[in-house]
Amino acid sequence: MNEKNIHGRVFKKLREERGYKSKDVAGDIISTRTLTRFEADETSLPIATFEKLLENCGVLLLDYLTYYYDITEIEYTEFLRKMQKHLQSGFVTKVINEFKKELKKKDIDFEKRVNILFVMISIGVDENSELFIENKRIIMEKIQKVNRLGLNEVVAFRILINLASREDFTVEYIDRNIEVCLRNISTKNYLSNYISAIYCELLFALLGFLSRNGYYSLAEERCKEVLSFFEKHPLLFSIDKYYFSVIGILAMIYLRQNKKEGVEFANKVLKYNNMVVEITDDPYAKMRADSYYEDLYKVNKTGIDFEF
């Protein structure tokens, strides 16, 4: 696969536009030679290192991401807009055919592969043609090869975990990645809010995998550990949403084991979701609340009704 990483080139453009010299930006973080190689897209950098380089340029990570997508999205945005028009017109078949054309190209980049997978899942199409199966395989292969997941890899991994069955991943692999998530959720550096949010979503997918595949003891242990983590860091970005996401997973764990504690936890998360709907009057929040109720209702075999 001929995948092109252009973060280095975009960073160089940003640095030069702001009038910073390579040696000043590199500072004592990395060598000037390493920075030069990065800006030539010959090597990648850990997120923490990249954030420090951005700080030396006086740029926040979210601002950089906005800048990056402004630079790189022209052709890509037109593609997505075309897909959106097809979906709004009800032409799902056209979207699938367009995706097939893209997947046949030799130089398709990883980000587009991930977005094709994401859209297919979002519209609920179970397309098992060879091209889409191969796309999943290539994405998973990339994830397993890299030493450190980038933003696109984390998003893709979350999607694959949500689709995965017990046979797809070992419990040791899932548990190891829960540790990775906890290490990458920043509780101090608010430049990392965006990254923390992505890792939280991956964390919930991993916990959900343990729950639905019957690893109840480990899932319960990890959920309680995550709740304790959140309680120790009350200023964590979107703490309330994250907290109740874990409460919802715990509810599923207990309900699947026919334990009445599941009803108690379900009442908490359903009450929270209804409160969000009442405050925001957001259609997506309403859809999310209804979906939570349906999922919890399906596994509730305790004979106890939810009260919220």
Protein backbone atom coordinates (compact mmCIF):
# COMPACT_ATOMS: atom_id res chain seq x y z
CA MET A 1 0.00 0.00 0.00
CA ASN A 2 1.40 3.37 -1.03
CA GLU A 3 0.30 5.43 1.95
CA LYS A 4 1.49 8.99 2.25
CA ASN A 5 1.95 10.71 5.60
CA ILE A 6 2.10 14.48 5.13
CA HIS A 7 2.01 15.80 8.70
CA GLY A 8 5.68 16.71 8.40
CA ARG A 9 5.18 18.76 5.25
CA VAL A 10 2.17 20.54 6.74
CA PHE A 11 4.07 21.27 9.96
CA LYS A 12 6.98 22.73 7.96
CA LYS A 13 4.57 25.02 6.09
CA LEU A 14 3.04 26.14 9.39
CA ARG A 15 6.48 26.73 10.97
CA GLU A 16 7.72 28.78 8.02
CA GLU A 17 4.51 30.84 7.85
CA ARG A 18 4.99 31.77 11.50
CA GLY A 19 8.66 32.66 10.94
CA TYR A 20 10.30 30.05 13.17
CA LYS A 21 13.69 28.48 12.38
CA SER A 22 14.15 24.72 12.61
CA LYS A 23 16.74 24.90 15.41
CA ASP A 24 14.47 27.12 17.54
CA VAL A 25 11.48 24.82 17.16
CA ALA A 26 13.52 21.66 17.75
CA GLY A 27 15.10 23.16 20.88
CA ASP A 28 16.06 20.43 23.30
CA ILE A 29 13.10 18.26 22.26
CA ILE A 30 14.63 16.57 19.20
CA SER A 31 17.66 17.13 17.00
CA THR A 32 17.40 19.52 14.06
CA ARG A 33 18.24 16.58 11.78
CA THR A 34 15.28 14.57 13.13
CA LEU A 35 13.00 17.57 12.63
CA THR A 36 14.24 17.91 9.05
CA ARG A 37 13.51 14.24 8.40
CA PHE A 38 10.05 14.62 9.94
CA GLU A 39 9.28 17.67 7.81
CA ALA A 40 10.30 15.65 4.75
CA ASP A 41 7.80 12.95 5.80
CA GLU A 42 10.62 10.45 6.16
CA THR A 43 9.80 9.61 9.78
CA SER A 44 7.00 10.07 12.31
CA LEU A 45 7.01 11.43 15.85
CA PRO A 46 5.17 10.46 19.07
CA ILE A 47 2.15 12.66 19.78
CA ALA A 48 3.72 14.00 23.00
CA THR A 49 6.85 15.10 21.12
CA PHE A 50 4.80 16.67 18.34
CA GLU A 51 2.76 18.65 20.87
CA LYS A 52 5.96 20.10 22.33
CA LEU A 53 7.08 21.19 18.86
CA LEU A 54 3.71 22.85 18.35
CA GLU A 55 4.12 24.65 21.68
CA ASN A 56 7.45 26.02 20.44
CA CYS A 57 5.56 27.39 17.44
CA GLY A 58 2.91 28.92 19.72
CA VAL A 59 0.20 26.64 18.29
CA LEU A 60 -2.41 24.51 20.06
CA LEU A 61 -2.94 20.96 18.85
CA LEU A 62 -6.57 21.61 17.89
CA ASP A 63 -5.53 24.69 15.94
CA TYR A 64 -2.92 22.62 14.13
CA LEU A 65 -5.51 19.95 13.29
CA THR A 66 -7.79 22.63 11.87
CA TYR A 67 -4.87 23.98 9.83
CA TYR A 68 -3.93 20.48 8.69
CA TYR A 69 -7.40 19.68 7.43
CA ASP A 70 -7.69 23.07 5.75
CA ILE A 71 -4.51 22.26 3.80
CA THR A 72 -5.30 18.66 2.94
CA GLU A 73 -9.08 18.47 2.60
CA ILE A 74 -9.82 20.11 -0.77
CA GLU A 75 -10.03 16.98 -2.92
CA TYR A 76 -11.09 14.86 0.02
CA THR A 77 -13.87 17.24 1.08
CA GLU A 78 -15.34 17.18 -2.42
CA PHE A 79 -15.42 13.39 -2.22
CA LEU A 80 -17.23 13.45 1.13
CA ARG A 81 -19.69 16.09 -0.04
CA LYS A 82 -20.52 13.94 -3.03
CA MET A 83 -21.13 10.96 -0.73
CA GLN A 84 -23.28 13.07 1.58
CA LYS A 85 -25.47 14.20 -1.33
CA HIS A 86 -25.95 10.59 -2.39
CA LEU A 87 -26.96 9.61 1.15
CA GLN A 88 -29.34 12.56 1.53
CA SER A 89 -30.97 11.53 -1.75
CA GLY A 90 -31.27 7.94 -0.58
CA PHE A 91 -28.76 6.63 -3.13
CA VAL A 92 -26.93 4.21 -0.84
CA THR A 93 -25.97 2.04 -3.81
CA LYS A 94 -24.16 4.99 -5.40
CA VAL A 95 -22.17 5.50 -2.20
CA ILE A 96 -21.14 1.84 -2.13
CA ASN A 97 -20.14 1.96 -5.80
CA GLU A 98 -18.07 5.13 -5.23
CA PHE A 99 -16.34 3.47 -2.29
CA LYS A 100 -15.55 0.45 -4.44
CA LYS A 101 -13.94 2.72 -7.04
CA GLU A 102 -11.79 4.33 -4.35
CA LEU A 103 -10.76 1.01 -2.83
CA LYS A 104 -9.57 -0.20 -6.23
CA LYS A 105 -7.04 2.64 -6.42
CA LYS A 106 -3.43 1.75 -5.58
CA ASP A 107 -2.59 5.04 -3.83
CA ILE A 108 -5.60 5.36 -1.48
CA ASP A 109 -4.45 6.80 1.85
CA PHE A 110 -5.17 5.39 5.28
CA GLU A 111 -7.48 8.22 6.34
CA LYS A 112 -9.78 7.59 3.40
CA ARG A 113 -9.79 3.87 4.15
CA VAL A 114 -10.86 4.60 7.73
CA ASN A 115 -13.59 7.01 6.64
CA ILE A 116 -14.97 4.52 4.13
CA LEU A 117 -15.16 1.94 6.91
CA PHE A 118 -16.77 4.49 9.25
CA VAL A 119 -19.44 5.55 6.74
CA MET A 120 -20.28 1.94 5.89
CA ILE A 121 -20.82 1.18 9.56
CA SER A 122 -22.74 4.42 10.15
CA ILE A 123 -25.27 3.77 7.40
CA GLY A 124 -25.72 0.19 8.60
CA VAL A 125 -24.72 -1.51 5.35
CA ASP A 126 -23.37 -5.04 5.70
CA GLU A 127 -21.25 -5.17 2.56
CA ASN A 128 -19.11 -8.29 2.51
CA SER A 129 -17.58 -7.94 -0.94
CA GLU A 130 -13.91 -8.74 -1.29
CA LEU A 131 -12.94 -5.05 -1.51
CA PHE A 132 -14.51 -4.13 1.83
CA ILE A 133 -13.16 -7.22 3.57
CA GLU A 134 -9.72 -6.37 2.21
CA ASN A 135 -10.11 -2.78 3.45
CA LYS A 136 -10.74 -4.02 7.01
CA ARG A 137 -7.75 -6.36 6.74
CA ILE A 138 -5.40 -3.58 5.57
CA ILE A 139 -6.58 -1.25 8.34
CA MET A 140 -6.09 -3.94 11.00
CA GLU A 141 -2.67 -4.84 9.58
CA LYS A 142 -1.59 -1.20 9.79
CA ILE A 143 -2.79 -0.91 13.39
CA GLN A 144 -0.90 -4.01 14.45
CA LYS A 145 2.32 -2.90 12.76
CA VAL A 146 2.76 0.54 14.31
CA ASN A 147 4.42 0.96 17.70
CA ARG A 148 2.22 3.91 18.61
CA LEU A 149 -1.26 4.58 17.30
CA GLY A 150 -1.92 7.86 15.54
CA LEU A 151 -5.33 9.57 15.50
CA ASN A 152 -6.58 7.70 12.43
CA GLU A 153 -5.38 4.38 13.81
CA VAL A 154 -7.20 4.95 17.13
CA VAL A 155 -10.46 5.81 15.33
CA ALA A 156 -10.12 2.77 13.06
CA PHE A 157 -9.27 0.48 15.97
CA ARG A 158 -12.38 1.60 17.86
CA ILE A 159 -14.57 0.78 14.85
CA LEU A 160 -13.01 -2.66 14.45
CA ILE A 161 -13.34 -3.42 18.18
CA ASN A 162 -17.03 -2.53 18.07
CA LEU A 163 -17.45 -5.02 15.21
CA ALA A 164 -15.28 -7.73 16.74
CA SER A 165 -16.33 -11.09 18.16
CA ARG A 166 -14.54 -13.17 20.78
CA GLU A 167 -12.52 -14.95 18.07
CA ASP A 168 -11.09 -11.76 16.58
CA PHE A 169 -8.92 -10.64 19.51
CA THR A 170 -7.41 -12.32 22.55
CA VAL A 171 -8.47 -11.03 25.95
CA GLU A 172 -4.80 -10.26 26.69
CA TYR A 173 -4.62 -8.00 23.62
CA ILE A 174 -7.79 -6.15 24.64
CA ASP A 175 -6.61 -5.73 28.24
CA ARG A 176 -3.19 -4.49 27.12
CA ASN A 177 -4.83 -1.81 25.00
CA ILE A 178 -7.00 -0.70 27.94
CA GLU A 179 -3.71 0.14 29.68
CA VAL A 180 -2.59 2.06 26.58
CA CYS A 181 -5.80 4.10 26.66
CA LEU A 182 -5.42 4.99 30.33
CA ARG A 183 -1.86 6.15 29.73
CA ASN A 184 -2.95 8.39 26.86
CA ILE A 185 -5.91 10.10 28.52
CA SER A 186 -4.40 13.39 29.63
CA THR A 187 -5.55 14.81 32.96
CA LYS A 188 -3.32 17.89 32.98
CA ASN A 189 -2.35 19.00 29.51
CA TYR A 190 -5.39 20.52 27.84
CA LEU A 191 -3.57 20.61 24.52
CA SER A 192 -4.42 16.91 24.53
CA ASN A 193 -8.19 17.17 24.99
CA TYR A 194 -8.90 16.01 21.45
CA ILE A 195 -6.59 13.02 21.78
CA SER A 196 -8.00 12.18 25.23
CA ALA A 197 -11.53 12.12 23.81
CA ILE A 198 -10.49 9.70 21.07
CA TYR A 199 -8.74 7.40 23.54
CA CYS A 200 -11.78 7.50 25.84
CA GLU A 201 -13.99 6.33 22.98
CA LEU A 202 -11.52 3.51 22.24
CA LEU A 203 -11.47 2.63 25.95
CA PHE A 204 -15.26 2.28 26.02
CA ALA A 205 -15.14 0.05 22.92
CA LEU A 206 -12.57 -2.21 24.61
CA LEU A 207 -14.63 -2.43 27.80
CA GLY A 208 -17.70 -3.17 25.70
CA PHE A 209 -15.83 -5.98 23.96
CA LEU A 210 -15.08 -7.62 27.33
CA SER A 211 -18.70 -7.23 28.41
CA ARG A 212 -20.46 -8.65 25.35
CA ASN A 213 -17.99 -11.51 24.96
CA GLY A 214 -18.43 -12.85 28.48
CA TYR A 215 -15.24 -11.65 30.19
CA TYR A 216 -17.34 -10.38 33.06
CA SER A 217 -14.86 -10.45 35.95
CA LEU A 218 -12.16 -8.61 34.03
CA ALA A 219 -14.69 -6.20 32.52
CA GLU A 220 -16.08 -5.34 35.97
CA GLU A 221 -12.59 -4.91 37.41
CA ARG A 222 -11.51 -2.62 34.57
CA CYS A 223 -14.73 -0.56 34.68
CA LYS A 224 -14.27 0.09 38.40
CA GLU A 225 -10.64 1.04 37.77
CA VAL A 226 -11.71 3.51 35.07
CA LEU A 227 -14.41 5.01 37.31
CA SER A 228 -11.80 5.47 40.05
CA PHE A 229 -9.52 7.11 37.49
CA PHE A 230 -12.26 9.56 36.51
CA GLU A 231 -13.10 10.31 40.15
CA LYS A 232 -9.47 11.19 40.86
CA HIS A 233 -9.43 13.64 37.94
CA PRO A 234 -12.67 15.67 38.19
CA LEU A 235 -11.43 18.30 35.70
CA LEU A 236 -11.04 15.75 32.90
CA PHE A 237 -12.65 16.93 29.68
CA SER A 238 -16.33 15.76 29.38
CA ILE A 239 -16.00 13.87 32.66
CA ASP A 240 -19.75 13.41 33.18
CA LYS A 241 -20.33 11.85 29.76
CA TYR A 242 -17.34 9.55 30.19
CA TYR A 243 -18.38 8.55 33.70
CA PHE A 244 -21.88 7.53 32.68
CA SER A 245 -20.59 5.70 29.62
CA VAL A 246 -18.72 3.39 31.99
CA ILE A 247 -21.79 3.14 34.25
CA GLY A 248 -23.72 1.96 31.19
CA ILE A 249 -21.13 -0.74 30.46
CA LEU A 250 -21.26 -1.90 34.08
CA ALA A 251 -25.04 -2.10 33.82
CA MET A 252 -24.70 -4.37 30.78
CA ILE A 253 -22.16 -6.57 32.58
CA TYR A 254 -24.47 -7.13 35.56
CA LEU A 255 -27.65 -7.51 33.49
CA ARG A 256 -25.98 -10.14 31.31
CA GLN A 257 -25.31 -12.08 34.50
CA ASN A 258 -28.89 -11.58 35.72
CA LYS A 259 -27.73 -9.49 38.68
CA LYS A 260 -30.07 -6.89 40.16
CA GLU A 261 -27.17 -4.42 40.45
CA GLY A 262 -27.53 -4.09 36.69
CA VAL A 263 -30.97 -2.51 37.11
CA GLU A 264 -29.58 -0.01 39.62
CA PHE A 265 -26.78 1.04 37.27
CA ALA A 266 -29.16 1.09 34.30
CA ASN A 267 -31.49 3.46 36.17
CA LYS A 268 -28.57 5.81 36.78
CA VAL A 269 -27.44 5.97 33.17
CA LEU A 270 -30.99 6.22 31.80
CA LYS A 271 -31.80 9.03 34.23
CA TYR A 272 -28.63 10.86 33.15
CA ASN A 273 -29.41 10.44 29.44
CA ASN A 274 -32.98 11.69 29.90
CA MET A 275 -31.67 14.72 31.77
CA VAL A 276 -29.33 15.52 28.86
CA VAL A 277 -32.25 15.24 26.42
CA GLU A 278 -34.42 17.58 28.53
CA ILE A 279 -31.66 20.18 28.84
CA THR A 280 -30.35 20.14 25.28
CA ASP A 281 -33.45 19.12 23.28
CA ASP A 282 -30.93 17.52 20.93
CA PRO A 283 -32.32 14.91 18.48
CA TYR A 284 -29.02 12.97 18.58
CA ALA A 285 -29.12 12.86 22.39
CA LYS A 286 -32.72 11.58 22.18
CA MET A 287 -31.69 8.88 19.70
CA ARG A 288 -28.76 7.92 21.92
CA ALA A 289 -31.01 7.71 25.01
CA ASP A 290 -33.54 5.53 23.17
CA SER A 291 -30.75 3.27 21.91
CA TYR A 292 -29.34 2.88 25.44
CA TYR A 293 -32.77 1.91 26.75
CA GLU A 294 -33.32 -0.67 23.99
CA ASP A 295 -29.89 -2.25 24.51
CA LEU A 296 -30.35 -2.47 28.27
CA TYR A 297 -33.91 -3.75 27.94
CA LYS A 298 -32.82 -6.59 25.64
CA VAL A 299 -30.42 -8.05 28.19
CA ASN A 300 -32.50 -7.42 31.32
CA LYS A 301 -33.63 -10.86 32.47
CA THR A 302 -33.93 -9.96 36.16
CA GLY A 303 -37.70 -9.43 36.06
CA ILE A 304 -37.16 -5.98 37.61
CA ASP A 305 -38.40 -3.00 35.59
CA PHE A 306 -36.25 0.06 35.06
CA GLU A 307 -37.32 3.12 37.07
CA PHE A 308 -35.92 6.42 35.88
